[in-house]
Amino acid sequence: MSLATKLPSQSTSLYVEIVNDFIVYKAESMQVAIEGVKPATLRAGLRTAIKRMVADEVRIVQRGEETFLVKASEQ
């Protein structure tokens, strides 16, 4: 196993930080945009971060080219 596979990538930690900030600030919704990152890549990174963090209280919503984190409704 190489060192590269053991350490998280910088972009992965960025997505985790974004999701963590959303949770800490207890926001209802937050638009997320990273300059130079395609919407599909942004969604994939956020989705992976949410799964790794087991953050069931967070959902991703896509409206056109805009990506939002929203508080998941309790059912």
PDB file of N, CA and C in Angstrom:
ATOM      1  N   MET A   1       0.855  -1.171   0.000  1.00  0.00           N
ATOM      2  CA  MET A   1       0.000   0.000   0.000  1.00  0.00           C
ATOM      3  C   MET A   1       0.900   1.232   0.000  1.00  0.00           C
ATOM      4  N   SER A   2       0.628   2.134  -0.882  1.00  0.00           N
ATOM      5  CA  SER A   2       1.443   3.339  -0.956  1.00  0.00           C
ATOM      6  C   SER A   2       0.936   4.387   0.033  1.00  0.00           C
ATOM      7  N   LEU A   3       1.784   5.352   0.287  1.00  0.00           N
ATOM      8  CA  LEU A   3       1.424   6.439   1.195  1.00  0.00           C
ATOM      9  C   LEU A   3       0.229   7.220   0.673  1.00  0.00           C
ATOM     10  N   ALA A   4       0.130   7.355  -0.642  1.00  0.00           N
ATOM     11  CA  ALA A   4      -0.957   8.124  -1.246  1.00  0.00           C
ATOM     12  C   ALA A   4      -2.316   7.496  -0.950  1.00  0.00           C
ATOM     13  N   THR A   5      -2.392   6.188  -0.834  1.00  0.00           N
ATOM     14  CA  THR A   5      -3.682   5.560  -0.560  1.00  0.00           C
ATOM     15  C   THR A   5      -4.050   5.637   0.918  1.00  0.00           C
ATOM     16  N   LYS A   6      -3.088   5.906   1.788  1.00  0.00           N
ATOM     17  CA  LYS A   6      -3.362   5.998   3.218  1.00  0.00           C
ATOM     18  C   LYS A   6      -3.849   7.383   3.624  1.00  0.00           C
ATOM     19  N   LEU A   7      -3.337   8.414   2.982  1.00  0.00           N
ATOM     20  CA  LEU A   7      -3.667   9.781   3.354  1.00  0.00           C
ATOM     21  C   LEU A   7      -4.860  10.290   2.567  1.00  0.00           C
ATOM     22  N   PRO A   8      -5.777  11.009   3.212  1.00  0.00           N
ATOM     23  CA  PRO A   8      -6.910  11.568   2.471  1.00  0.00           C
ATOM     24  C   PRO A   8      -6.435  12.667   1.534  1.00  0.00           C
ATOM     25  N   SER A   9      -7.092  12.777   0.412  1.00  0.00           N
ATOM     26  CA  SER A   9      -6.719  13.839  -0.525  1.00  0.00           C
ATOM     27  C   SER A   9      -7.155  15.180   0.040  1.00  0.00           C
ATOM     28  N   GLN A  10      -6.534  16.213  -0.448  1.00  0.00           N
ATOM     29  CA  GLN A  10      -6.857  17.555   0.027  1.00  0.00           C
ATOM     30  C   GLN A  10      -8.301  17.905  -0.301  1.00  0.00           C
ATOM     31  N   SER A  11      -8.777  17.492  -1.483  1.00  0.00           N
ATOM     32  CA  SER A  11     -10.151  17.814  -1.862  1.00  0.00           C
ATOM     33  C   SER A  11     -11.156  17.090  -0.976  1.00  0.00           C
ATOM     34  N   THR A  12     -10.839  15.857  -0.573  1.00  0.00           N
ATOM     35  CA  THR A  12     -11.743  15.116   0.303  1.00  0.00           C
ATOM     36  C   THR A  12     -11.916  15.853   1.623  1.00  0.00           C
ATOM     37  N   SER A  13     -10.819  16.324   2.185  1.00  0.00           N
ATOM     38  CA  SER A  13     -10.924  17.027   3.461  1.00  0.00           C
ATOM     39  C   SER A  13     -11.668  18.360   3.294  1.00  0.00           C
ATOM     40  N   LEU A  14     -11.594  18.962   2.126  1.00  0.00           N
ATOM     41  CA  LEU A  14     -12.339  20.195   1.862  1.00  0.00           C
ATOM     42  C   LEU A  14     -13.846  19.918   1.911  1.00  0.00           C
ATOM     43  N   TYR A  15     -14.290  18.840   1.285  1.00  0.00           N
ATOM     44  CA  TYR A  15     -15.711  18.498   1.295  1.00  0.00           C
ATOM     45  C   TYR A  15     -16.183  18.170   2.712  1.00  0.00           C
ATOM     46  N   VAL A  16     -15.372  17.449   3.467  1.00  0.00           N
ATOM     47  CA  VAL A  16     -15.714  17.137   4.864  1.00  0.00           C
ATOM     48  C   VAL A  16     -15.827  18.429   5.663  1.00  0.00           C
ATOM     49  N   GLU A  17     -14.916  19.356   5.437  1.00  0.00           N
ATOM     50  CA  GLU A  17     -14.951  20.639   6.135  1.00  0.00           C
ATOM     51  C   GLU A  17     -16.220  21.425   5.794  1.00  0.00           C
ATOM     52  N   ILE A  18     -16.633  21.395   4.533  1.00  0.00           N
ATOM     53  CA  ILE A  18     -17.850  22.098   4.113  1.00  0.00           C
ATOM     54  C   ILE A  18     -19.066  21.507   4.822  1.00  0.00           C
ATOM     55  N   VAL A  19     -19.186  20.182   4.816  1.00  0.00           N
ATOM     56  CA  VAL A  19     -20.322  19.514   5.468  1.00  0.00           C
ATOM     57  C   VAL A  19     -20.285  19.777   6.976  1.00  0.00           C
ATOM     58  N   ASN A  20     -19.107  19.701   7.570  1.00  0.00           N
ATOM     59  CA  ASN A  20     -18.977  19.951   9.004  1.00  0.00           C
ATOM     60  C   ASN A  20     -19.400  21.378   9.354  1.00  0.00           C
ATOM     61  N   ASP A  21     -18.980  22.354   8.558  1.00  0.00           N
ATOM     62  CA  ASP A  21     -19.388  23.740   8.801  1.00  0.00           C
ATOM     63  C   ASP A  21     -20.903  23.892   8.729  1.00  0.00           C
ATOM     64  N   PHE A  22     -21.519  23.231   7.762  1.00  0.00           N
ATOM     65  CA  PHE A  22     -22.974  23.277   7.624  1.00  0.00           C
ATOM     66  C   PHE A  22     -23.648  22.751   8.893  1.00  0.00           C
ATOM     67  N   ILE A  23     -23.128  21.652   9.416  1.00  0.00           N
ATOM     68  CA  ILE A  23     -23.701  21.044  10.628  1.00  0.00           C
ATOM     69  C   ILE A  23     -23.460  21.945  11.844  1.00  0.00           C
ATOM     70  N   VAL A  24     -22.249  22.439  11.996  1.00  0.00           N
ATOM     71  CA  VAL A  24     -21.897  23.270  13.154  1.00  0.00           C
ATOM     72  C   VAL A  24     -22.726  24.547  13.207  1.00  0.00           C
ATOM     73  N   TYR A  25     -22.940  25.174  12.047  1.00  0.00           N
ATOM     74  CA  TYR A  25     -23.698  26.428  12.010  1.00  0.00           C
ATOM     75  C   TYR A  25     -25.208  26.200  12.070  1.00  0.00           C
ATOM     76  N   LYS A  26     -25.634  24.941  12.068  1.00  0.00           N
ATOM     77  CA  LYS A  26     -27.046  24.569  12.178  1.00  0.00           C
ATOM     78  C   LYS A  26     -27.919  25.314  11.168  1.00  0.00           C
ATOM     79  N   ALA A  27     -27.406  25.434   9.960  1.00  0.00           N
ATOM     80  CA  ALA A  27     -28.139  26.122   8.898  1.00  0.00           C
ATOM     81  C   ALA A  27     -29.252  25.234   8.359  1.00  0.00           C
ATOM     82  N   GLU A  28     -30.306  25.848   7.856  1.00  0.00           N
ATOM     83  CA  GLU A  28     -31.387  25.107   7.195  1.00  0.00           C
ATOM     84  C   GLU A  28     -30.965  24.709   5.785  1.00  0.00           C
ATOM     85  N   SER A  29     -30.249  25.617   5.107  1.00  0.00           N
ATOM     86  CA  SER A  29     -29.723  25.336   3.769  1.00  0.00           C
ATOM     87  C   SER A  29     -28.516  26.222   3.507  1.00  0.00           C
ATOM     88  N   MET A  30     -27.684  25.774   2.569  1.00  0.00           N
ATOM     89  CA  MET A  30     -26.490  26.522   2.227  1.00  0.00           C
ATOM     90  C   MET A  30     -26.095  26.191   0.795  1.00  0.00           C
ATOM     91  N   GLN A  31     -25.887  27.213  -0.014  1.00  0.00           N
ATOM     92  CA  GLN A  31     -25.422  26.975  -1.377  1.00  0.00           C
ATOM     93  C   GLN A  31     -23.922  26.713  -1.330  1.00  0.00           C
ATOM     94  N   VAL A  32     -23.494  25.718  -2.117  1.00  0.00           N
ATOM     95  CA  VAL A  32     -22.085  25.350  -2.159  1.00  0.00           C
ATOM     96  C   VAL A  32     -21.584  25.507  -3.581  1.00  0.00           C
ATOM     97  N   ALA A  33     -20.492  26.233  -3.738  1.00  0.00           N
ATOM     98  CA  ALA A  33     -19.857  26.395  -5.043  1.00  0.00           C
ATOM     99  C   ALA A  33     -18.358  26.482  -4.827  1.00  0.00           C
ATOM    100  N   ILE A  34     -17.614  25.756  -5.648  1.00  0.00           N
ATOM    101  CA  ILE A  34     -16.158  25.814  -5.610  1.00  0.00           C
ATOM    102  C   ILE A  34     -15.710  26.162  -7.015  1.00  0.00           C
ATOM    103  N   GLU A  35     -15.026  27.272  -7.142  1.00  0.00           N
ATOM    104  CA  GLU A  35     -14.600  27.740  -8.458  1.00  0.00           C
ATOM    105  C   GLU A  35     -13.741  26.681  -9.152  1.00  0.00           C
ATOM    106  N   GLY A  36     -14.102  26.390 -10.405  1.00  0.00           N
ATOM    107  CA  GLY A  36     -13.351  25.429 -11.202  1.00  0.00           C
ATOM    108  C   GLY A  36     -13.776  23.984 -11.014  1.00  0.00           C
ATOM    109  N   VAL A  37     -14.772  23.744 -10.156  1.00  0.00           N
ATOM    110  CA  VAL A  37     -15.249  22.379  -9.913  1.00  0.00           C
ATOM    111  C   VAL A  37     -16.623  22.224 -10.559  1.00  0.00           C
ATOM    112  N   LYS A  38     -16.758  21.193 -11.389  1.00  0.00           N
ATOM    113  CA  LYS A  38     -18.026  20.945 -12.073  1.00  0.00           C
ATOM    114  C   LYS A  38     -19.084  20.509 -11.063  1.00  0.00           C
ATOM    115  N   PRO A  39     -20.357  20.833 -11.342  1.00  0.00           N
ATOM    116  CA  PRO A  39     -21.429  20.456 -10.406  1.00  0.00           C
ATOM    117  C   PRO A  39     -21.467  18.965 -10.070  1.00  0.00           C
ATOM    118  N   ALA A  40     -21.245  18.102 -11.040  1.00  0.00           N
ATOM    119  CA  ALA A  40     -21.270  16.655 -10.785  1.00  0.00           C
ATOM    120  C   ALA A  40     -20.131  16.246  -9.848  1.00  0.00           C
ATOM    121  N   THR A  41     -18.978  16.849 -10.018  1.00  0.00           N
ATOM    122  CA  THR A  41     -17.826  16.556  -9.159  1.00  0.00           C
ATOM    123  C   THR A  41     -18.087  17.059  -7.747  1.00  0.00           C
ATOM    124  N   LEU A  42     -18.668  18.230  -7.646  1.00  0.00           N
ATOM    125  CA  LEU A  42     -19.014  18.809  -6.352  1.00  0.00           C
ATOM    126  C   LEU A  42     -19.999  17.905  -5.613  1.00  0.00           C
ATOM    127  N   ARG A  43     -21.045  17.477  -6.295  1.00  0.00           N
ATOM    128  CA  ARG A  43     -22.042  16.581  -5.671  1.00  0.00           C
ATOM    129  C   ARG A  43     -21.400  15.281  -5.217  1.00  0.00           C
ATOM    130  N   ALA A  44     -20.545  14.702  -6.053  1.00  0.00           N
ATOM    131  CA  ALA A  44     -19.896  13.437  -5.699  1.00  0.00           C
ATOM    132  C   ALA A  44     -19.013  13.604  -4.464  1.00  0.00           C
ATOM    133  N   GLY A  45     -18.255  14.688  -4.404  1.00  0.00           N
ATOM    134  CA  GLY A  45     -17.398  14.934  -3.244  1.00  0.00           C
ATOM    135  C   GLY A  45     -18.198  15.144  -1.971  1.00  0.00           C
ATOM    136  N   LEU A  46     -19.285  15.909  -2.076  1.00  0.00           N
ATOM    137  CA  LEU A  46     -20.146  16.137  -0.909  1.00  0.00           C
ATOM    138  C   LEU A  46     -20.826  14.849  -0.469  1.00  0.00           C
ATOM    139  N   ARG A  47     -21.299  14.062  -1.433  1.00  0.00           N
ATOM    140  CA  ARG A  47     -21.959  12.789  -1.118  1.00  0.00           C
ATOM    141  C   ARG A  47     -20.998  11.857  -0.376  1.00  0.00           C
ATOM    142  N   THR A  48     -19.759  11.784  -0.841  1.00  0.00           N
ATOM    143  CA  THR A  48     -18.753  10.939  -0.191  1.00  0.00           C
ATOM    144  C   THR A  48     -18.471  11.433   1.224  1.00  0.00           C
ATOM    145  N   ALA A  49     -18.351  12.733   1.388  1.00  0.00           N
ATOM    146  CA  ALA A  49     -18.095  13.304   2.716  1.00  0.00           C
ATOM    147  C   ALA A  49     -19.243  12.998   3.675  1.00  0.00           C
ATOM    148  N   ILE A  50     -20.470  13.126   3.192  1.00  0.00           N
ATOM    149  CA  ILE A  50     -21.643  12.852   4.029  1.00  0.00           C
ATOM    150  C   ILE A  50     -21.656  11.397   4.458  1.00  0.00           C
ATOM    151  N   LYS A  51     -21.338  10.492   3.539  1.00  0.00           N
ATOM    152  CA  LYS A  51     -21.307   9.059   3.880  1.00  0.00           C
ATOM    153  C   LYS A  51     -20.211   8.754   4.878  1.00  0.00           C
ATOM    154  N   ARG A  52     -19.031   9.328   4.686  1.00  0.00           N
ATOM    155  CA  ARG A  52     -17.906   9.076   5.598  1.00  0.00           C
ATOM    156  C   ARG A  52     -18.181   9.614   6.993  1.00  0.00           C
ATOM    157  N   MET A  53     -18.872  10.728   7.058  1.00  0.00           N
ATOM    158  CA  MET A  53     -19.179  11.356   8.340  1.00  0.00           C
ATOM    159  C   MET A  53     -20.433  10.767   8.977  1.00  0.00           C
ATOM    160  N   VAL A  54     -21.142   9.934   8.252  1.00  0.00           N
ATOM    161  CA  VAL A  54     -22.430   9.399   8.680  1.00  0.00           C
ATOM    162  C   VAL A  54     -23.325  10.554   9.116  1.00  0.00           C
ATOM    163  N   ALA A  55     -23.405  11.538   8.250  1.00  0.00           N
ATOM    164  CA  ALA A  55     -24.181  12.754   8.523  1.00  0.00           C
ATOM    165  C   ALA A  55     -25.574  12.610   7.910  1.00  0.00           C
ATOM    166  N   ASP A  56     -26.415  11.809   8.560  1.00  0.00           N
ATOM    167  CA  ASP A  56     -27.759  11.538   8.047  1.00  0.00           C
ATOM    168  C   ASP A  56     -28.652  12.775   8.054  1.00  0.00           C
ATOM    169  N   GLU A  57     -28.252  13.798   8.789  1.00  0.00           N
ATOM    170  CA  GLU A  57     -29.078  14.995   8.879  1.00  0.00           C
ATOM    171  C   GLU A  57     -28.846  15.968   7.721  1.00  0.00           C
ATOM    172  N   VAL A  58     -27.993  15.595   6.777  1.00  0.00           N
ATOM    173  CA  VAL A  58     -27.652  16.471   5.653  1.00  0.00           C
ATOM    174  C   VAL A  58     -28.028  15.807   4.334  1.00  0.00           C
ATOM    175  N   ARG A  59     -28.666  16.595   3.452  1.00  0.00           N
ATOM    176  CA  ARG A  59     -28.988  16.138   2.098  1.00  0.00           C
ATOM    177  C   ARG A  59     -28.371  17.102   1.099  1.00  0.00           C
ATOM    178  N   ILE A  60     -28.195  16.618  -0.121  1.00  0.00           N
ATOM    179  CA  ILE A  60     -27.720  17.451  -1.222  1.00  0.00           C
ATOM    180  C   ILE A  60     -28.892  17.686  -2.162  1.00  0.00           C
ATOM    181  N   VAL A  61     -29.076  18.934  -2.567  1.00  0.00           N
ATOM    182  CA  VAL A  61     -30.132  19.286  -3.513  1.00  0.00           C
ATOM    183  C   VAL A  61     -29.488  20.012  -4.687  1.00  0.00           C
ATOM    184  N   GLN A  62     -29.880  19.626  -5.885  1.00  0.00           N
ATOM    185  CA  GLN A  62     -29.372  20.260  -7.104  1.00  0.00           C
ATOM    186  C   GLN A  62     -30.508  21.010  -7.772  1.00  0.00           C
ATOM    187  N   ARG A  63     -30.301  22.284  -8.049  1.00  0.00           N
ATOM    188  CA  ARG A  63     -31.264  23.114  -8.777  1.00  0.00           C
ATOM    189  C   ARG A  63     -30.526  23.707  -9.965  1.00  0.00           C
ATOM    190  N   GLY A  64     -30.710  23.124 -11.123  1.00  0.00           N
ATOM    191  CA  GLY A  64     -29.965  23.558 -12.299  1.00  0.00           C
ATOM    192  C   GLY A  64     -28.489  23.289 -12.083  1.00  0.00           C
ATOM    193  N   GLU A  65     -27.688  24.327 -12.178  1.00  0.00           N
ATOM    194  CA  GLU A  65     -26.249  24.191 -11.961  1.00  0.00           C
ATOM    195  C   GLU A  65     -25.846  24.495 -10.519  1.00  0.00           C
ATOM    196  N   GLU A  66     -26.809  24.836  -9.676  1.00  0.00           N
ATOM    197  CA  GLU A  66     -26.515  25.199  -8.290  1.00  0.00           C
ATOM    198  C   GLU A  66     -26.676  23.996  -7.367  1.00  0.00           C
ATOM    199  N   THR A  67     -25.765  23.877  -6.409  1.00  0.00           N
ATOM    200  CA  THR A  67     -25.767  22.774  -5.444  1.00  0.00           C
ATOM    201  C   THR A  67     -25.975  23.347  -4.052  1.00  0.00           C
ATOM    202  N   PHE A  68     -26.856  22.701  -3.285  1.00  0.00           N
ATOM    203  CA  PHE A  68     -27.181  23.146  -1.938  1.00  0.00           C
ATOM    204  C   PHE A  68     -27.046  21.982  -0.963  1.00  0.00           C
ATOM    205  N   LEU A  69     -26.620  22.290   0.242  1.00  0.00           N
ATOM    206  CA  LEU A  69     -26.755  21.361   1.363  1.00  0.00           C
ATOM    207  C   LEU A  69     -27.998  21.814   2.116  1.00  0.00           C
ATOM    208  N   VAL A  70     -28.850  20.864   2.479  1.00  0.00           N
ATOM    209  CA  VAL A  70     -30.057  21.187   3.227  1.00  0.00           C
ATOM    210  C   VAL A  70     -30.201  20.243   4.395  1.00  0.00           C
ATOM    211  N   LYS A  71     -30.867  20.733   5.416  1.00  0.00           N
ATOM    212  CA  LYS A  71     -31.156  19.921   6.587  1.00  0.00           C
ATOM    213  C   LYS A  71     -32.199  18.886   6.199  1.00  0.00           C
ATOM    214  N   ALA A  72     -31.899  17.617   6.447  1.00  0.00           N
ATOM    215  CA  ALA A  72     -32.825  16.545   6.117  1.00  0.00           C
ATOM    216  C   ALA A  72     -34.033  16.606   7.031  1.00  0.00           C
ATOM    217  N   SER A  73     -35.217  16.460   6.468  1.00  0.00           N
ATOM    218  CA  SER A  73     -36.421  16.468   7.298  1.00  0.00           C
ATOM    219  C   SER A  73     -36.550  15.145   8.012  1.00  0.00           C
ATOM    220  N   GLU A  74     -36.969  15.194   9.253  1.00  0.00           N
ATOM    221  CA  GLU A  74     -37.150  13.991  10.044  1.00  0.00           C
ATOM    222  C   GLU A  74     -38.490  13.364   9.704  1.00  0.00           C
ATOM    223  N   GLN A  75     -38.458  12.054   9.492  1.00  0.00           N
ATOM    224  CA  GLN A  75     -39.708  11.377   9.107  1.00  0.00           C
ATOM    225  C   GLN A  75     -40.074  10.317  10.089  1.00  0.00           C
TER     226      GLN A  75
END
